[in-house]
Amino acid sequence: LTGKSVLDIGCNAGFYSMEMKRRGAGRVLGIDSD
């Protein structure tokens, strides 16, 4: 995912956000209401 941007809606503790970053994503934003 090199250079790709990722939005993780309802990211909770960020597992999926970090997995996307591990795959090379550039900008990763995790949002949650909690």
PDB file of all heavy atoms in Angstrom:
ATOM      1  N   LEU A   1       0.830  -1.209   0.000  1.00  0.00           N
ATOM      2  CA  LEU A   1       0.000   0.000   0.000  1.00  0.00           C
ATOM      3  C   LEU A   1       0.864   1.259   0.000  1.00  0.00           C
ATOM      4  O   LEU A   1       0.417   2.320   0.446  1.00  0.00           O
ATOM      5  CB  LEU A   1      -0.922  -0.001   1.221  1.00  0.00           C
ATOM      6  CG  LEU A   1      -2.051  -1.038   1.243  1.00  0.00           C
ATOM      7  CD1 LEU A   1      -2.765  -1.027   2.580  1.00  0.00           C
ATOM      8  CD2 LEU A   1      -3.038  -0.796   0.112  1.00  0.00           C
ATOM      9  N   THR A   2       2.057   1.129  -0.497  1.00  0.00           N
ATOM     10  CA  THR A   2       2.995   2.257  -0.488  1.00  0.00           C
ATOM     11  C   THR A   2       2.358   3.518  -1.068  1.00  0.00           C
ATOM     12  O   THR A   2       1.835   3.509  -2.183  1.00  0.00           O
ATOM     13  CB  THR A   2       4.261   1.911  -1.288  1.00  0.00           C
ATOM     14  OG1 THR A   2       4.885   0.759  -0.716  1.00  0.00           O
ATOM     15  CG2 THR A   2       5.237   3.079  -1.279  1.00  0.00           C
ATOM     16  N   GLY A   3       2.388   4.573  -0.273  1.00  0.00           N
ATOM     17  CA  GLY A   3       1.875   5.866  -0.719  1.00  0.00           C
ATOM     18  C   GLY A   3       0.373   6.021  -0.649  1.00  0.00           C
ATOM     19  O   GLY A   3      -0.146   7.113  -0.900  1.00  0.00           O
ATOM     20  N   LYS A   4      -0.353   4.974  -0.303  1.00  0.00           N
ATOM     21  CA  LYS A   4      -1.805   5.055  -0.244  1.00  0.00           C
ATOM     22  C   LYS A   4      -2.247   5.699   1.072  1.00  0.00           C
ATOM     23  O   LYS A   4      -1.589   5.569   2.112  1.00  0.00           O
ATOM     24  CB  LYS A   4      -2.438   3.666  -0.358  1.00  0.00           C
ATOM     25  CG  LYS A   4      -2.125   2.936  -1.655  1.00  0.00           C
ATOM     26  CD  LYS A   4      -2.756   3.637  -2.850  1.00  0.00           C
ATOM     27  CE  LYS A   4      -2.543   2.815  -4.125  1.00  0.00           C
ATOM     28  NZ  LYS A   4      -3.145   3.492  -5.311  1.00  0.00           N
ATOM     29  N   SER A   5      -3.393   6.378   1.021  1.00  0.00           N
ATOM     30  CA  SER A   5      -3.972   6.972   2.231  1.00  0.00           C
ATOM     31  C   SER A   5      -5.066   6.056   2.755  1.00  0.00           C
ATOM     32  O   SER A   5      -5.808   5.435   1.982  1.00  0.00           O
ATOM     33  CB  SER A   5      -4.534   8.359   1.936  1.00  0.00           C
ATOM     34  OG  SER A   5      -5.512   8.299   0.917  1.00  0.00           O
ATOM     35  N   VAL A   6      -5.174   5.975   4.083  1.00  0.00           N
ATOM     36  CA  VAL A   6      -6.122   5.058   4.724  1.00  0.00           C
ATOM     37  C   VAL A   6      -6.884   5.790   5.816  1.00  0.00           C
ATOM     38  O   VAL A   6      -6.290   6.502   6.634  1.00  0.00           O
ATOM     39  CB  VAL A   6      -5.397   3.840   5.337  1.00  0.00           C
ATOM     40  CG1 VAL A   6      -6.396   2.926   6.058  1.00  0.00           C
ATOM     41  CG2 VAL A   6      -4.645   3.055   4.265  1.00  0.00           C
ATOM     42  N   LEU A   7      -8.201   5.604   5.835  1.00  0.00           N
ATOM     43  CA  LEU A   7      -9.050   6.100   6.913  1.00  0.00           C
ATOM     44  C   LEU A   7      -9.674   4.900   7.601  1.00  0.00           C
ATOM     45  O   LEU A   7     -10.376   4.112   6.975  1.00  0.00           O
ATOM     46  CB  LEU A   7     -10.142   7.023   6.370  1.00  0.00           C
ATOM     47  CG  LEU A   7     -11.180   7.503   7.397  1.00  0.00           C
ATOM     48  CD1 LEU A   7     -10.538   8.360   8.474  1.00  0.00           C
ATOM     49  CD2 LEU A   7     -12.320   8.256   6.702  1.00  0.00           C
ATOM     50  N   ASP A   8      -9.427   4.755   8.896  1.00  0.00           N
ATOM     51  CA  ASP A   8      -9.957   3.650   9.689  1.00  0.00           C
ATOM     52  C   ASP A   8     -11.055   4.214  10.594  1.00  0.00           C
ATOM     53  O   ASP A   8     -10.773   4.857  11.608  1.00  0.00           O
ATOM     54  CB  ASP A   8      -8.820   3.029  10.507  1.00  0.00           C
ATOM     55  CG  ASP A   8      -9.248   1.776  11.272  1.00  0.00           C
ATOM     56  OD1 ASP A   8     -10.420   1.372  11.165  1.00  0.00           O
ATOM     57  OD2 ASP A   8      -8.389   1.206  11.977  1.00  0.00           O
ATOM     58  N   ILE A   9     -12.314   3.982  10.218  1.00  0.00           N
ATOM     59  CA  ILE A   9     -13.460   4.526  10.948  1.00  0.00           C
ATOM     60  C   ILE A   9     -13.870   3.554  12.048  1.00  0.00           C
ATOM     61  O   ILE A   9     -14.142   2.387  11.785  1.00  0.00           O
ATOM     62  CB  ILE A   9     -14.642   4.778   9.996  1.00  0.00           C
ATOM     63  CG1 ILE A   9     -14.239   5.746   8.884  1.00  0.00           C
ATOM     64  CG2 ILE A   9     -15.854   5.300  10.762  1.00  0.00           C
ATOM     65  CD1 ILE A   9     -15.301   5.917   7.808  1.00  0.00           C
ATOM     66  N   GLY A  10     -13.939   4.068  13.283  1.00  0.00           N
ATOM     67  CA  GLY A  10     -14.207   3.190  14.417  1.00  0.00           C
ATOM     68  C   GLY A  10     -12.988   2.335  14.689  1.00  0.00           C
ATOM     69  O   GLY A  10     -13.080   1.118  14.842  1.00  0.00           O
ATOM     70  N   CYS A  11     -11.827   2.981  14.766  1.00  0.00           N
ATOM     71  CA  CYS A  11     -10.540   2.282  14.793  1.00  0.00           C
ATOM     72  C   CYS A  11     -10.298   1.491  16.064  1.00  0.00           C
ATOM     73  O   CYS A  11      -9.392   0.655  16.103  1.00  0.00           O
ATOM     74  CB  CYS A  11      -9.401   3.274  14.575  1.00  0.00           C
ATOM     75  SG  CYS A  11      -9.248   4.520  15.881  1.00  0.00           S
ATOM     76  N   ASN A  12     -11.061   1.762  17.126  1.00  0.00           N
ATOM     77  CA  ASN A  12     -10.857   1.077  18.388  1.00  0.00           C
ATOM     78  C   ASN A  12      -9.404   1.232  18.827  1.00  0.00           C
ATOM     79  O   ASN A  12      -8.889   2.341  18.835  1.00  0.00           O
ATOM     80  CB  ASN A  12     -11.297  -0.390  18.269  1.00  0.00           C
ATOM     81  CG  ASN A  12     -11.661  -1.033  19.594  1.00  0.00           C
ATOM     82  OD1 ASN A  12     -10.788  -1.426  20.355  1.00  0.00           O
ATOM     83  ND2 ASN A  12     -12.945  -1.114  19.879  1.00  0.00           N
ATOM     84  N   ALA A  13      -8.701   0.147  19.138  1.00  0.00           N
ATOM     85  CA  ALA A  13      -7.322   0.256  19.610  1.00  0.00           C
ATOM     86  C   ALA A  13      -6.299   0.271  18.482  1.00  0.00           C
ATOM     87  O   ALA A  13      -5.099   0.147  18.725  1.00  0.00           O
ATOM     88  CB  ALA A  13      -7.006  -0.873  20.594  1.00  0.00           C
ATOM     89  N   GLY A  14      -6.761   0.399  17.241  1.00  0.00           N
ATOM     90  CA  GLY A  14      -5.853   0.675  16.136  1.00  0.00           C
ATOM     91  C   GLY A  14      -5.232  -0.509  15.431  1.00  0.00           C
ATOM     92  O   GLY A  14      -4.320  -0.327  14.617  1.00  0.00           O
ATOM     93  N   PHE A  15      -5.721  -1.721  15.667  1.00  0.00           N
ATOM     94  CA  PHE A  15      -5.118  -2.896  15.035  1.00  0.00           C
ATOM     95  C   PHE A  15      -5.048  -2.759  13.516  1.00  0.00           C
ATOM     96  O   PHE A  15      -3.996  -2.961  12.906  1.00  0.00           O
ATOM     97  CB  PHE A  15      -5.893  -4.165  15.410  1.00  0.00           C
ATOM     98  CG  PHE A  15      -5.423  -5.400  14.687  1.00  0.00           C
ATOM     99  CD1 PHE A  15      -4.395  -6.168  15.204  1.00  0.00           C
ATOM    100  CD2 PHE A  15      -6.003  -5.798  13.477  1.00  0.00           C
ATOM    101  CE1 PHE A  15      -3.949  -7.310  14.526  1.00  0.00           C
ATOM    102  CE2 PHE A  15      -5.567  -6.926  12.801  1.00  0.00           C
ATOM    103  CZ  PHE A  15      -4.540  -7.679  13.326  1.00  0.00           C
ATOM    104  N   TYR A  16      -6.184  -2.419  12.890  1.00  0.00           N
ATOM    105  CA  TYR A  16      -6.213  -2.359  11.432  1.00  0.00           C
ATOM    106  C   TYR A  16      -5.423  -1.172  10.900  1.00  0.00           C
ATOM    107  O   TYR A  16      -4.794  -1.261   9.836  1.00  0.00           O
ATOM    108  CB  TYR A  16      -7.658  -2.332  10.932  1.00  0.00           C
ATOM    109  CG  TYR A  16      -8.370  -3.646  11.128  1.00  0.00           C
ATOM    110  CD1 TYR A  16      -9.340  -3.793  12.127  1.00  0.00           C
ATOM    111  CD2 TYR A  16      -8.059  -4.754  10.356  1.00  0.00           C
ATOM    112  CE1 TYR A  16      -9.981  -5.001  12.329  1.00  0.00           C
ATOM    113  CE2 TYR A  16      -8.689  -5.970  10.549  1.00  0.00           C
ATOM    114  CZ  TYR A  16      -9.651  -6.094  11.537  1.00  0.00           C
ATOM    115  OH  TYR A  16     -10.269  -7.300  11.739  1.00  0.00           O
ATOM    116  N   SER A  17      -5.433  -0.067  11.615  1.00  0.00           N
ATOM    117  CA  SER A  17      -4.616   1.084  11.212  1.00  0.00           C
ATOM    118  C   SER A  17      -3.148   0.683  11.129  1.00  0.00           C
ATOM    119  O   SER A  17      -2.441   1.030  10.172  1.00  0.00           O
ATOM    120  CB  SER A  17      -4.778   2.236  12.214  1.00  0.00           C
ATOM    121  OG  SER A  17      -6.085   2.742  12.213  1.00  0.00           O
ATOM    122  N   MET A  18      -2.680  -0.045  12.117  1.00  0.00           N
ATOM    123  CA  MET A  18      -1.276  -0.456  12.150  1.00  0.00           C
ATOM    124  C   MET A  18      -0.975  -1.504  11.085  1.00  0.00           C
ATOM    125  O   MET A  18       0.117  -1.523  10.513  1.00  0.00           O
ATOM    126  CB  MET A  18      -0.912  -0.933  13.556  1.00  0.00           C
ATOM    127  CG  MET A  18      -0.852   0.215  14.557  1.00  0.00           C
ATOM    128  SD  MET A  18      -0.373  -0.273  16.232  1.00  0.00           S
ATOM    129  CE  MET A  18      -1.942  -0.886  16.859  1.00  0.00           C
ATOM    130  N   GLU A  19      -1.922  -2.376  10.799  1.00  0.00           N
ATOM    131  CA  GLU A  19      -1.711  -3.358   9.735  1.00  0.00           C
ATOM    132  C   GLU A  19      -1.573  -2.665   8.379  1.00  0.00           C
ATOM    133  O   GLU A  19      -0.785  -3.073   7.538  1.00  0.00           O
ATOM    134  CB  GLU A  19      -2.856  -4.371   9.697  1.00  0.00           C
ATOM    135  CG  GLU A  19      -2.735  -5.480  10.733  1.00  0.00           C
ATOM    136  CD  GLU A  19      -1.584  -6.437  10.435  1.00  0.00           C
ATOM    137  OE1 GLU A  19      -1.022  -6.385   9.322  1.00  0.00           O
ATOM    138  OE2 GLU A  19      -1.246  -7.238  11.325  1.00  0.00           O
ATOM    139  N   MET A  20      -2.361  -1.611   8.168  1.00  0.00           N
ATOM    140  CA  MET A  20      -2.249  -0.881   6.907  1.00  0.00           C
ATOM    141  C   MET A  20      -0.903  -0.157   6.817  1.00  0.00           C
ATOM    142  O   MET A  20      -0.278  -0.108   5.757  1.00  0.00           O
ATOM    143  CB  MET A  20      -3.390   0.124   6.771  1.00  0.00           C
ATOM    144  CG  MET A  20      -4.785  -0.488   6.711  1.00  0.00           C
ATOM    145  SD  MET A  20      -5.038  -1.689   5.366  1.00  0.00           S
ATOM    146  CE  MET A  20      -4.914  -3.250   6.277  1.00  0.00           C
ATOM    147  N   LYS A  21      -0.447   0.384   7.927  1.00  0.00           N
ATOM    148  CA  LYS A  21       0.863   1.040   7.953  1.00  0.00           C
ATOM    149  C   LYS A  21       1.967   0.003   7.714  1.00  0.00           C
ATOM    150  O   LYS A  21       2.959   0.281   7.026  1.00  0.00           O
ATOM    151  CB  LYS A  21       1.052   1.771   9.274  1.00  0.00           C
ATOM    152  CG  LYS A  21       2.362   2.547   9.394  1.00  0.00           C
ATOM    153  CD  LYS A  21       2.509   3.602   8.307  1.00  0.00           C
ATOM    154  CE  LYS A  21       1.839   4.890   8.630  1.00  0.00           C
ATOM    155  NZ  LYS A  21       2.226   5.977   7.664  1.00  0.00           N
ATOM    156  N   ARG A  22       1.811  -1.180   8.253  1.00  0.00           N
ATOM    157  CA  ARG A  22       2.801  -2.242   8.037  1.00  0.00           C
ATOM    158  C   ARG A  22       2.909  -2.585   6.557  1.00  0.00           C
ATOM    159  O   ARG A  22       3.985  -2.961   6.074  1.00  0.00           O
ATOM    160  CB  ARG A  22       2.417  -3.499   8.828  1.00  0.00           C
ATOM    161  CG  ARG A  22       3.457  -4.621   8.736  1.00  0.00           C
ATOM    162  CD  ARG A  22       2.996  -5.883   9.420  1.00  0.00           C
ATOM    163  NE  ARG A  22       1.899  -6.521   8.704  1.00  0.00           N
ATOM    164  CZ  ARG A  22       2.062  -7.272   7.620  1.00  0.00           C
ATOM    165  NH1 ARG A  22       3.265  -7.432   7.095  1.00  0.00           N
ATOM    166  NH2 ARG A  22       1.024  -7.833   7.039  1.00  0.00           N
ATOM    167  N   ARG A  23       1.818  -2.415   5.818  1.00  0.00           N
ATOM    168  CA  ARG A  23       1.825  -2.698   4.386  1.00  0.00           C
ATOM    169  C   ARG A  23       2.319  -1.504   3.562  1.00  0.00           C
ATOM    170  O   ARG A  23       2.220  -1.521   2.345  1.00  0.00           O
ATOM    171  CB  ARG A  23       0.422  -3.119   3.927  1.00  0.00           C
ATOM    172  CG  ARG A  23       0.007  -4.481   4.472  1.00  0.00           C
ATOM    173  CD  ARG A  23      -1.413  -4.847   4.086  1.00  0.00           C
ATOM    174  NE  ARG A  23      -1.734  -6.166   4.628  1.00  0.00           N
ATOM    175  CZ  ARG A  23      -2.186  -7.209   3.919  1.00  0.00           C
ATOM    176  NH1 ARG A  23      -2.386  -7.067   2.615  1.00  0.00           N
ATOM    177  NH2 ARG A  23      -2.426  -8.362   4.503  1.00  0.00           N
ATOM    178  N   GLY A  24       2.808  -0.485   4.241  1.00  0.00           N
ATOM    179  CA  GLY A  24       3.445   0.618   3.540  1.00  0.00           C
ATOM    180  C   GLY A  24       2.580   1.829   3.293  1.00  0.00           C
ATOM    181  O   GLY A  24       3.018   2.760   2.587  1.00  0.00           O
ATOM    182  N   ALA A  25       1.338   1.843   3.837  1.00  0.00           N
ATOM    183  CA  ALA A  25       0.465   2.987   3.610  1.00  0.00           C
ATOM    184  C   ALA A  25       1.142   4.276   4.066  1.00  0.00           C
ATOM    185  O   ALA A  25       1.874   4.294   5.058  1.00  0.00           O
ATOM    186  CB  ALA A  25      -0.857   2.793   4.340  1.00  0.00           C
ATOM    187  N   GLY A  26       0.885   5.372   3.345  1.00  0.00           N
ATOM    188  CA  GLY A  26       1.473   6.662   3.695  1.00  0.00           C
ATOM    189  C   GLY A  26       0.732   7.304   4.841  1.00  0.00           C
ATOM    190  O   GLY A  26       1.059   7.093   6.005  1.00  0.00           O
ATOM    191  N   ARG A  27      -0.309   8.078   4.512  1.00  0.00           N
ATOM    192  CA  ARG A  27      -1.110   8.706   5.554  1.00  0.00           C
ATOM    193  C   ARG A  27      -2.143   7.709   6.078  1.00  0.00           C
ATOM    194  O   ARG A  27      -2.929   7.137   5.308  1.00  0.00           O
ATOM    195  CB  ARG A  27      -1.818   9.938   4.993  1.00  0.00           C
ATOM    196  CG  ARG A  27      -2.878  10.538   5.907  1.00  0.00           C
ATOM    197  CD  ARG A  27      -3.185  11.973   5.514  1.00  0.00           C
ATOM    198  NE  ARG A  27      -4.426  12.487   6.035  1.00  0.00           N
ATOM    199  CZ  ARG A  27      -4.640  12.778   7.328  1.00  0.00           C
ATOM    200  NH1 ARG A  27      -3.706  12.542   8.228  1.00  0.00           N
ATOM    201  NH2 ARG A  27      -5.803  13.284   7.724  1.00  0.00           N
ATOM    202  N   VAL A  28      -2.144   7.483   7.388  1.00  0.00           N
ATOM    203  CA  VAL A  28      -3.134   6.625   8.027  1.00  0.00           C
ATOM    204  C   VAL A  28      -3.787   7.418   9.155  1.00  0.00           C
ATOM    205  O   VAL A  28      -3.109   7.893  10.067  1.00  0.00           O
ATOM    206  CB  VAL A  28      -2.510   5.331   8.593  1.00  0.00           C
ATOM    207  CG1 VAL A  28      -3.581   4.487   9.292  1.00  0.00           C
ATOM    208  CG2 VAL A  28      -1.849   4.518   7.480  1.00  0.00           C
ATOM    209  N   LEU A  29      -5.099   7.557   9.063  1.00  0.00           N
ATOM    210  CA  LEU A  29      -5.873   8.264  10.073  1.00  0.00           C
ATOM    211  C   LEU A  29      -6.894   7.309  10.668  1.00  0.00           C
ATOM    212  O   LEU A  29      -7.712   6.737   9.941  1.00  0.00           O
ATOM    213  CB  LEU A  29      -6.585   9.474   9.446  1.00  0.00           C
ATOM    214  CG  LEU A  29      -7.609  10.207  10.326  1.00  0.00           C
ATOM    215  CD1 LEU A  29      -6.958  10.784  11.569  1.00  0.00           C
ATOM    216  CD2 LEU A  29      -8.323  11.295   9.520  1.00  0.00           C
ATOM    217  N   GLY A  30      -6.849   7.136  11.981  1.00  0.00           N
ATOM    218  CA  GLY A  30      -7.841   6.335  12.680  1.00  0.00           C
ATOM    219  C   GLY A  30      -8.750   7.245  13.480  1.00  0.00           C
ATOM    220  O   GLY A  30      -8.267   8.111  14.217  1.00  0.00           O
ATOM    221  N   ILE A  31     -10.062   7.086  13.312  1.00  0.00           N
ATOM    222  CA  ILE A  31     -11.001   7.906  14.064  1.00  0.00           C
ATOM    223  C   ILE A  31     -11.924   7.030  14.898  1.00  0.00           C
ATOM    224  O   ILE A  31     -12.250   5.902  14.519  1.00  0.00           O
ATOM    225  CB  ILE A  31     -11.833   8.831  13.148  1.00  0.00           C
ATOM    226  CG1 ILE A  31     -12.742   8.008  12.214  1.00  0.00           C
ATOM    227  CG2 ILE A  31     -10.938   9.761  12.354  1.00  0.00           C
ATOM    228  CD1 ILE A  31     -13.739   8.856  11.419  1.00  0.00           C
ATOM    229  N   ASP A  32     -12.323   7.548  16.018  1.00  0.00           N
ATOM    230  CA  ASP A  32     -13.264   6.854  16.894  1.00  0.00           C
ATOM    231  C   ASP A  32     -13.940   7.908  17.761  1.00  0.00           C
ATOM    232  O   ASP A  32     -13.357   8.965  18.042  1.00  0.00           O
ATOM    233  CB  ASP A  32     -12.539   5.818  17.763  1.00  0.00           C
ATOM    234  CG  ASP A  32     -13.470   4.701  18.215  1.00  0.00           C
ATOM    235  OD1 ASP A  32     -14.374   4.969  19.043  1.00  0.00           O
ATOM    236  OD2 ASP A  32     -13.310   3.557  17.738  1.00  0.00           O
ATOM    237  N   SER A  33     -15.154   7.621  18.207  1.00  0.00           N
ATOM    238  CA  SER A  33     -15.868   8.564  19.066  1.00  0.00           C
ATOM    239  C   SER A  33     -15.505   8.376  20.532  1.00  0.00           C
ATOM    240  O   SER A  33     -15.837   9.218  21.359  1.00  0.00           O
ATOM    241  CB  SER A  33     -17.383   8.398  18.883  1.00  0.00           C
ATOM    242  OG  SER A  33     -17.790   7.069  19.195  1.00  0.00           O
ATOM    243  N   ASP A  34     -14.814   7.279  20.852  1.00  0.00           N
ATOM    244  CA  ASP A  34     -14.464   6.946  22.233  1.00  0.00           C
ATOM    245  C   ASP A  34     -13.007   7.310  22.503  1.00  0.00           C
ATOM    246  O   ASP A  34     -12.090   6.713  21.943  1.00  0.00           O
ATOM    247  CB  ASP A  34     -14.694   5.453  22.470  1.00  0.00           C
ATOM    248  CG  ASP A  34     -14.621   5.055  23.941  1.00  0.00           C
ATOM    249  OD1 ASP A  34     -13.746   5.597  24.656  1.00  0.00           O
ATOM    250  OD2 ASP A  34     -15.425   4.207  24.367  1.00  0.00           O
TER     251      ASP A  34
END
